[in-house]
Amino acid sequence: MLLYITHRERAALQLLAEGRARTEIAGGLGVSVWAVEAHLTTLFTRMGAASRTEAIDVASRRGLLTGNP
């Protein structure tokens, strides 16, 4: 199954995988915490993930992350 994610969602996911808090992700992307919440909620839904850990696992298995989180 294909998983389409935007550039911003991918960047948020990468920072999440690096262990960043939502406020740190917002600062890193130059967006509000509410925007980060929206990106992550959308990602979790698309991935069928119920947690940060599960989302990172799915993203890792699908090759969506760079480096080793």
PDB file of N, CA and C in Angstrom:
ATOM      1  N   MET A   1       0.830  -1.178   0.000  1.00  0.00           N
ATOM      2  CA  MET A   1       0.000   0.000   0.000  1.00  0.00           C
ATOM      3  C   MET A   1       0.879   1.247   0.000  1.00  0.00           C
ATOM      4  N   LEU A   2       0.613   2.147  -0.919  1.00  0.00           N
ATOM      5  CA  LEU A   2       1.361   3.394  -0.993  1.00  0.00           C
ATOM      6  C   LEU A   2       0.939   4.331   0.126  1.00  0.00           C
ATOM      7  N   LEU A   3       1.911   5.067   0.633  1.00  0.00           N
ATOM      8  CA  LEU A   3       1.630   6.047   1.668  1.00  0.00           C
ATOM      9  C   LEU A   3       2.157   7.387   1.196  1.00  0.00           C
ATOM     10  N   TYR A   4       1.241   8.293   0.859  1.00  0.00           N
ATOM     11  CA  TYR A   4       1.648   9.617   0.416  1.00  0.00           C
ATOM     12  C   TYR A   4       1.746  10.534   1.622  1.00  0.00           C
ATOM     13  N   ILE A   5       2.898  11.165   1.802  1.00  0.00           N
ATOM     14  CA  ILE A   5       3.035  12.178   2.829  1.00  0.00           C
ATOM     15  C   ILE A   5       3.719  13.398   2.224  1.00  0.00           C
ATOM     16  N   THR A   6       3.368  14.548   2.749  1.00  0.00           N
ATOM     17  CA  THR A   6       3.936  15.789   2.241  1.00  0.00           C
ATOM     18  C   THR A   6       5.361  15.975   2.770  1.00  0.00           C
ATOM     19  N   HIS A   7       6.046  16.931   2.181  1.00  0.00           N
ATOM     20  CA  HIS A   7       7.403  17.262   2.630  1.00  0.00           C
ATOM     21  C   HIS A   7       7.391  17.662   4.100  1.00  0.00           C
ATOM     22  N   ARG A   8       6.440  18.490   4.491  1.00  0.00           N
ATOM     23  CA  ARG A   8       6.333  18.936   5.893  1.00  0.00           C
ATOM     24  C   ARG A   8       6.044  17.769   6.828  1.00  0.00           C
ATOM     25  N   GLU A   9       5.152  16.878   6.413  1.00  0.00           N
ATOM     26  CA  GLU A   9       4.839  15.712   7.241  1.00  0.00           C
ATOM     27  C   GLU A   9       6.071  14.826   7.397  1.00  0.00           C
ATOM     28  N   ARG A  10       6.824  14.661   6.315  1.00  0.00           N
ATOM     29  CA  ARG A  10       8.041  13.846   6.380  1.00  0.00           C
ATOM     30  C   ARG A  10       9.064  14.485   7.323  1.00  0.00           C
ATOM     31  N   ALA A  11       9.204  15.798   7.252  1.00  0.00           N
ATOM     32  CA  ALA A  11      10.140  16.506   8.132  1.00  0.00           C
ATOM     33  C   ALA A  11       9.701  16.372   9.588  1.00  0.00           C
ATOM     34  N   ALA A  12       8.408  16.502   9.849  1.00  0.00           N
ATOM     35  CA  ALA A  12       7.892  16.353  11.208  1.00  0.00           C
ATOM     36  C   ALA A  12       8.131  14.934  11.708  1.00  0.00           C
ATOM     37  N   LEU A  13       7.918  13.958  10.841  1.00  0.00           N
ATOM     38  CA  LEU A  13       8.130  12.557  11.193  1.00  0.00           C
ATOM     39  C   LEU A  13       9.600  12.289  11.508  1.00  0.00           C
ATOM     40  N   GLN A  14      10.482  12.860  10.727  1.00  0.00           N
ATOM     41  CA  GLN A  14      11.916  12.681  10.956  1.00  0.00           C
ATOM     42  C   GLN A  14      12.311  13.254  12.321  1.00  0.00           C
ATOM     43  N   LEU A  15      11.839  14.455  12.635  1.00  0.00           N
ATOM     44  CA  LEU A  15      12.150  15.067  13.930  1.00  0.00           C
ATOM     45  C   LEU A  15      11.535  14.264  15.075  1.00  0.00           C
ATOM     46  N   LEU A  16      10.347  13.730  14.855  1.00  0.00           N
ATOM     47  CA  LEU A  16       9.709  12.874  15.847  1.00  0.00           C
ATOM     48  C   LEU A  16      10.576  11.645  16.113  1.00  0.00           C
ATOM     49  N   ALA A  17      11.087  11.049  15.037  1.00  0.00           N
ATOM     50  CA  ALA A  17      11.940   9.860  15.154  1.00  0.00           C
ATOM     51  C   ALA A  17      13.245  10.167  15.880  1.00  0.00           C
ATOM     52  N   GLU A  18      13.682  11.419  15.796  1.00  0.00           N
ATOM     53  CA  GLU A  18      14.896  11.841  16.497  1.00  0.00           C
ATOM     54  C   GLU A  18      14.635  12.118  17.971  1.00  0.00           C
ATOM     55  N   GLY A  19      13.385  11.943  18.398  1.00  0.00           N
ATOM     56  CA  GLY A  19      13.046  12.109  19.804  1.00  0.00           C
ATOM     57  C   GLY A  19      12.671  13.519  20.206  1.00  0.00           C
ATOM     58  N   ARG A  20      12.395  14.356  19.211  1.00  0.00           N
ATOM     59  CA  ARG A  20      12.043  15.746  19.510  1.00  0.00           C
ATOM     60  C   ARG A  20      10.619  15.857  20.036  1.00  0.00           C
ATOM     61  N   ALA A  21      10.417  16.795  20.949  1.00  0.00           N
ATOM     62  CA  ALA A  21       9.079  17.107  21.468  1.00  0.00           C
ATOM     63  C   ALA A  21       8.335  17.931  20.420  1.00  0.00           C
ATOM     64  N   ARG A  22       7.029  18.006  20.559  1.00  0.00           N
ATOM     65  CA  ARG A  22       6.228  18.760  19.589  1.00  0.00           C
ATOM     66  C   ARG A  22       6.656  20.221  19.505  1.00  0.00           C
ATOM     67  N   THR A  23       7.025  20.822  20.629  1.00  0.00           N
ATOM     68  CA  THR A  23       7.476  22.221  20.593  1.00  0.00           C
ATOM     69  C   THR A  23       8.790  22.350  19.840  1.00  0.00           C
ATOM     70  N   GLU A  24       9.667  21.366  19.978  1.00  0.00           N
ATOM     71  CA  GLU A  24      10.934  21.380  19.239  1.00  0.00           C
ATOM     72  C   GLU A  24      10.696  21.171  17.744  1.00  0.00           C
ATOM     73  N   ILE A  25       9.756  20.298  17.416  1.00  0.00           N
ATOM     74  CA  ILE A  25       9.422  20.062  16.011  1.00  0.00           C
ATOM     75  C   ILE A  25       8.877  21.348  15.404  1.00  0.00           C
ATOM     76  N   ALA A  26       8.000  22.024  16.141  1.00  0.00           N
ATOM     77  CA  ALA A  26       7.429  23.282  15.654  1.00  0.00           C
ATOM     78  C   ALA A  26       8.535  24.299  15.394  1.00  0.00           C
ATOM     79  N   GLY A  27       9.465  24.431  16.314  1.00  0.00           N
ATOM     80  CA  GLY A  27      10.572  25.355  16.138  1.00  0.00           C
ATOM     81  C   GLY A  27      11.449  24.977  14.960  1.00  0.00           C
ATOM     82  N   GLY A  28      11.702  23.691  14.803  1.00  0.00           N
ATOM     83  CA  GLY A  28      12.538  23.217  13.704  1.00  0.00           C
ATOM     84  C   GLY A  28      11.914  23.440  12.335  1.00  0.00           C
ATOM     85  N   LEU A  29      10.587  23.392  12.290  1.00  0.00           N
ATOM     86  CA  LEU A  29       9.887  23.572  11.017  1.00  0.00           C
ATOM     87  C   LEU A  29       9.423  25.012  10.810  1.00  0.00           C
ATOM     88  N   GLY A  30       9.504  25.816  11.868  1.00  0.00           N
ATOM     89  CA  GLY A  30       9.049  27.200  11.761  1.00  0.00           C
ATOM     90  C   GLY A  30       7.536  27.314  11.652  1.00  0.00           C
ATOM     91  N   VAL A  31       6.833  26.404  12.330  1.00  0.00           N
ATOM     92  CA  VAL A  31       5.369  26.415  12.331  1.00  0.00           C
ATOM     93  C   VAL A  31       4.882  26.375  13.777  1.00  0.00           C
ATOM     94  N   SER A  32       3.585  26.511  13.957  1.00  0.00           N
ATOM     95  CA  SER A  32       3.019  26.467  15.299  1.00  0.00           C
ATOM     96  C   SER A  32       2.921  25.024  15.799  1.00  0.00           C
ATOM     97  N   VAL A  33       2.779  24.887  17.100  1.00  0.00           N
ATOM     98  CA  VAL A  33       2.576  23.562  17.696  1.00  0.00           C
ATOM     99  C   VAL A  33       1.284  22.959  17.160  1.00  0.00           C
ATOM    100  N   TRP A  34       0.275  23.812  16.918  1.00  0.00           N
ATOM    101  CA  TRP A  34      -0.995  23.319  16.362  1.00  0.00           C
ATOM    102  C   TRP A  34      -0.794  22.720  14.977  1.00  0.00           C
ATOM    103  N   ALA A  35       0.070  23.317  14.171  1.00  0.00           N
ATOM    104  CA  ALA A  35       0.359  22.767  12.841  1.00  0.00           C
ATOM    105  C   ALA A  35       1.051  21.414  12.972  1.00  0.00           C
ATOM    106  N   VAL A  36       1.968  21.304  13.920  1.00  0.00           N
ATOM    107  CA  VAL A  36       2.645  20.023  14.161  1.00  0.00           C
ATOM    108  C   VAL A  36       1.624  18.973  14.581  1.00  0.00           C
ATOM    109  N   GLU A  37       0.717  19.343  15.474  1.00  0.00           N
ATOM    110  CA  GLU A  37      -0.338  18.419  15.902  1.00  0.00           C
ATOM    111  C   GLU A  37      -1.139  17.927  14.702  1.00  0.00           C
ATOM    112  N   ALA A  38      -1.476  18.844  13.800  1.00  0.00           N
ATOM    113  CA  ALA A  38      -2.249  18.477  12.610  1.00  0.00           C
ATOM    114  C   ALA A  38      -1.455  17.515  11.726  1.00  0.00           C
ATOM    115  N   HIS A  39      -0.183  17.821  11.497  1.00  0.00           N
ATOM    116  CA  HIS A  39       0.660  16.942  10.676  1.00  0.00           C
ATOM    117  C   HIS A  39       0.746  15.550  11.290  1.00  0.00           C
ATOM    118  N   LEU A  40       1.000  15.487  12.584  1.00  0.00           N
ATOM    119  CA  LEU A  40       1.180  14.185  13.234  1.00  0.00           C
ATOM    120  C   LEU A  40      -0.130  13.406  13.303  1.00  0.00           C
ATOM    121  N   THR A  41      -1.231  14.093  13.565  1.00  0.00           N
ATOM    122  CA  THR A  41      -2.530  13.416  13.583  1.00  0.00           C
ATOM    123  C   THR A  41      -2.833  12.800  12.223  1.00  0.00           C
ATOM    124  N   THR A  42      -2.588  13.569  11.172  1.00  0.00           N
ATOM    125  CA  THR A  42      -2.813  13.066   9.814  1.00  0.00           C
ATOM    126  C   THR A  42      -1.910  11.872   9.527  1.00  0.00           C
ATOM    127  N   LEU A  43      -0.637  11.994   9.890  1.00  0.00           N
ATOM    128  CA  LEU A  43       0.308  10.896   9.660  1.00  0.00           C
ATOM    129  C   LEU A  43      -0.100   9.638  10.411  1.00  0.00           C
ATOM    130  N   PHE A  44      -0.413   9.783  11.694  1.00  0.00           N
ATOM    131  CA  PHE A  44      -0.789   8.618  12.497  1.00  0.00           C
ATOM    132  C   PHE A  44      -1.999   7.920  11.886  1.00  0.00           C
ATOM    133  N   THR A  45      -2.967   8.701  11.423  1.00  0.00           N
ATOM    134  CA  THR A  45      -4.163   8.125  10.809  1.00  0.00           C
ATOM    135  C   THR A  45      -3.806   7.378   9.529  1.00  0.00           C
ATOM    136  N   ARG A  46      -3.032   8.008   8.662  1.00  0.00           N
ATOM    137  CA  ARG A  46      -2.646   7.365   7.390  1.00  0.00           C
ATOM    138  C   ARG A  46      -1.850   6.094   7.612  1.00  0.00           C
ATOM    139  N   MET A  47      -1.016   6.098   8.648  1.00  0.00           N
ATOM    140  CA  MET A  47      -0.160   4.951   8.922  1.00  0.00           C
ATOM    141  C   MET A  47      -0.870   3.876   9.736  1.00  0.00           C
ATOM    142  N   GLY A  48      -2.002   4.212  10.320  1.00  0.00           N
ATOM    143  CA  GLY A  48      -2.694   3.277  11.194  1.00  0.00           C
ATOM    144  C   GLY A  48      -1.948   3.105  12.499  1.00  0.00           C
ATOM    145  N   ALA A  49      -1.253   4.151  12.913  1.00  0.00           N
ATOM    146  CA  ALA A  49      -0.434   4.105  14.128  1.00  0.00           C
ATOM    147  C   ALA A  49      -1.179   4.739  15.305  1.00  0.00           C
ATOM    148  N   ALA A  50      -1.048   4.119  16.461  1.00  0.00           N
ATOM    149  CA  ALA A  50      -1.708   4.619  17.661  1.00  0.00           C
ATOM    150  C   ALA A  50      -0.754   5.360  18.586  1.00  0.00           C
ATOM    151  N   SER A  51       0.539   5.348  18.260  1.00  0.00           N
ATOM    152  CA  SER A  51       1.519   5.985  19.135  1.00  0.00           C
ATOM    153  C   SER A  51       2.713   6.484  18.323  1.00  0.00           C
ATOM    154  N   ARG A  52       3.542   7.288  18.972  1.00  0.00           N
ATOM    155  CA  ARG A  52       4.774   7.770  18.352  1.00  0.00           C
ATOM    156  C   ARG A  52       5.649   6.592  17.945  1.00  0.00           C
ATOM    157  N   THR A  53       5.787   5.650  18.853  1.00  0.00           N
ATOM    158  CA  THR A  53       6.646   4.490  18.616  1.00  0.00           C
ATOM    159  C   THR A  53       6.161   3.691  17.413  1.00  0.00           C
ATOM    160  N   GLU A  54       4.868   3.473  17.340  1.00  0.00           N
ATOM    161  CA  GLU A  54       4.319   2.706  16.220  1.00  0.00           C
ATOM    162  C   GLU A  54       4.495   3.466  14.902  1.00  0.00           C
ATOM    163  N   ALA A  55       4.293   4.782  14.922  1.00  0.00           N
ATOM    164  CA  ALA A  55       4.469   5.594  13.712  1.00  0.00           C
ATOM    165  C   ALA A  55       5.917   5.538  13.235  1.00  0.00           C
ATOM    166  N   ILE A  56       6.847   5.616  14.157  1.00  0.00           N
ATOM    167  CA  ILE A  56       8.268   5.557  13.810  1.00  0.00           C
ATOM    168  C   ILE A  56       8.622   4.183  13.244  1.00  0.00           C
ATOM    169  N   ASP A  57       8.055   3.144  13.836  1.00  0.00           N
ATOM    170  CA  ASP A  57       8.302   1.789  13.344  1.00  0.00           C
ATOM    171  C   ASP A  57       7.782   1.623  11.915  1.00  0.00           C
ATOM    172  N   VAL A  58       6.572   2.071  11.669  1.00  0.00           N
ATOM    173  CA  VAL A  58       5.984   1.980  10.327  1.00  0.00           C
ATOM    174  C   VAL A  58       6.826   2.777   9.327  1.00  0.00           C
ATOM    175  N   ALA A  59       7.180   4.003   9.714  1.00  0.00           N
ATOM    176  CA  ALA A  59       7.979   4.864   8.831  1.00  0.00           C
ATOM    177  C   ALA A  59       9.326   4.238   8.527  1.00  0.00           C
ATOM    178  N   SER A  60       9.934   3.637   9.519  1.00  0.00           N
ATOM    179  CA  SER A  60      11.233   2.993   9.330  1.00  0.00           C
ATOM    180  C   SER A  60      11.130   1.817   8.357  1.00  0.00           C
ATOM    181  N   ARG A  61      10.108   0.997   8.544  1.00  0.00           N
ATOM    182  CA  ARG A  61       9.914  -0.169   7.674  1.00  0.00           C
ATOM    183  C   ARG A  61       9.616   0.246   6.237  1.00  0.00           C
ATOM    184  N   ARG A  62       9.003   1.406   6.058  1.00  0.00           N
ATOM    185  CA  ARG A  62       8.642   1.889   4.717  1.00  0.00           C
ATOM    186  C   ARG A  62       9.731   2.766   4.101  1.00  0.00           C
ATOM    187  N   GLY A  63      10.837   2.938   4.810  1.00  0.00           N
ATOM    188  CA  GLY A  63      11.941   3.722   4.270  1.00  0.00           C
ATOM    189  C   GLY A  63      11.704   5.216   4.228  1.00  0.00           C
ATOM    190  N   LEU A  64      10.872   5.715   5.134  1.00  0.00           N
ATOM    191  CA  LEU A  64      10.538   7.135   5.138  1.00  0.00           C
ATOM    192  C   LEU A  64      11.471   7.978   5.980  1.00  0.00           C
ATOM    193  N   LEU A  65      12.362   7.340   6.711  1.00  0.00           N
ATOM    194  CA  LEU A  65      13.271   8.066   7.596  1.00  0.00           C
ATOM    195  C   LEU A  65      14.691   8.050   7.038  1.00  0.00           C
ATOM    196  N   THR A  66      15.425   9.121   7.319  1.00  0.00           N
ATOM    197  CA  THR A  66      16.826   9.176   6.923  1.00  0.00           C
ATOM    198  C   THR A  66      17.674   8.876   8.144  1.00  0.00           C
ATOM    199  N   GLY A  67      18.781   8.209   7.950  1.00  0.00           N
ATOM    200  CA  GLY A  67      19.677   7.906   9.060  1.00  0.00           C
ATOM    201  C   GLY A  67      19.081   6.894  10.017  1.00  0.00           C
ATOM    202  N   ASN A  68      19.647   6.838  11.188  1.00  0.00           N
ATOM    203  CA  ASN A  68      19.201   5.902  12.220  1.00  0.00           C
ATOM    204  C   ASN A  68      18.670   6.664  13.416  1.00  0.00           C
ATOM    205  N   PRO A  69      17.340   6.673  13.586  1.00  0.00           N
ATOM    206  CA  PRO A  69      16.769   7.382  14.733  1.00  0.00           C
ATOM    207  C   PRO A  69      17.135   6.712  16.040  1.00  0.00           C
TER     208      PRO A  69
END
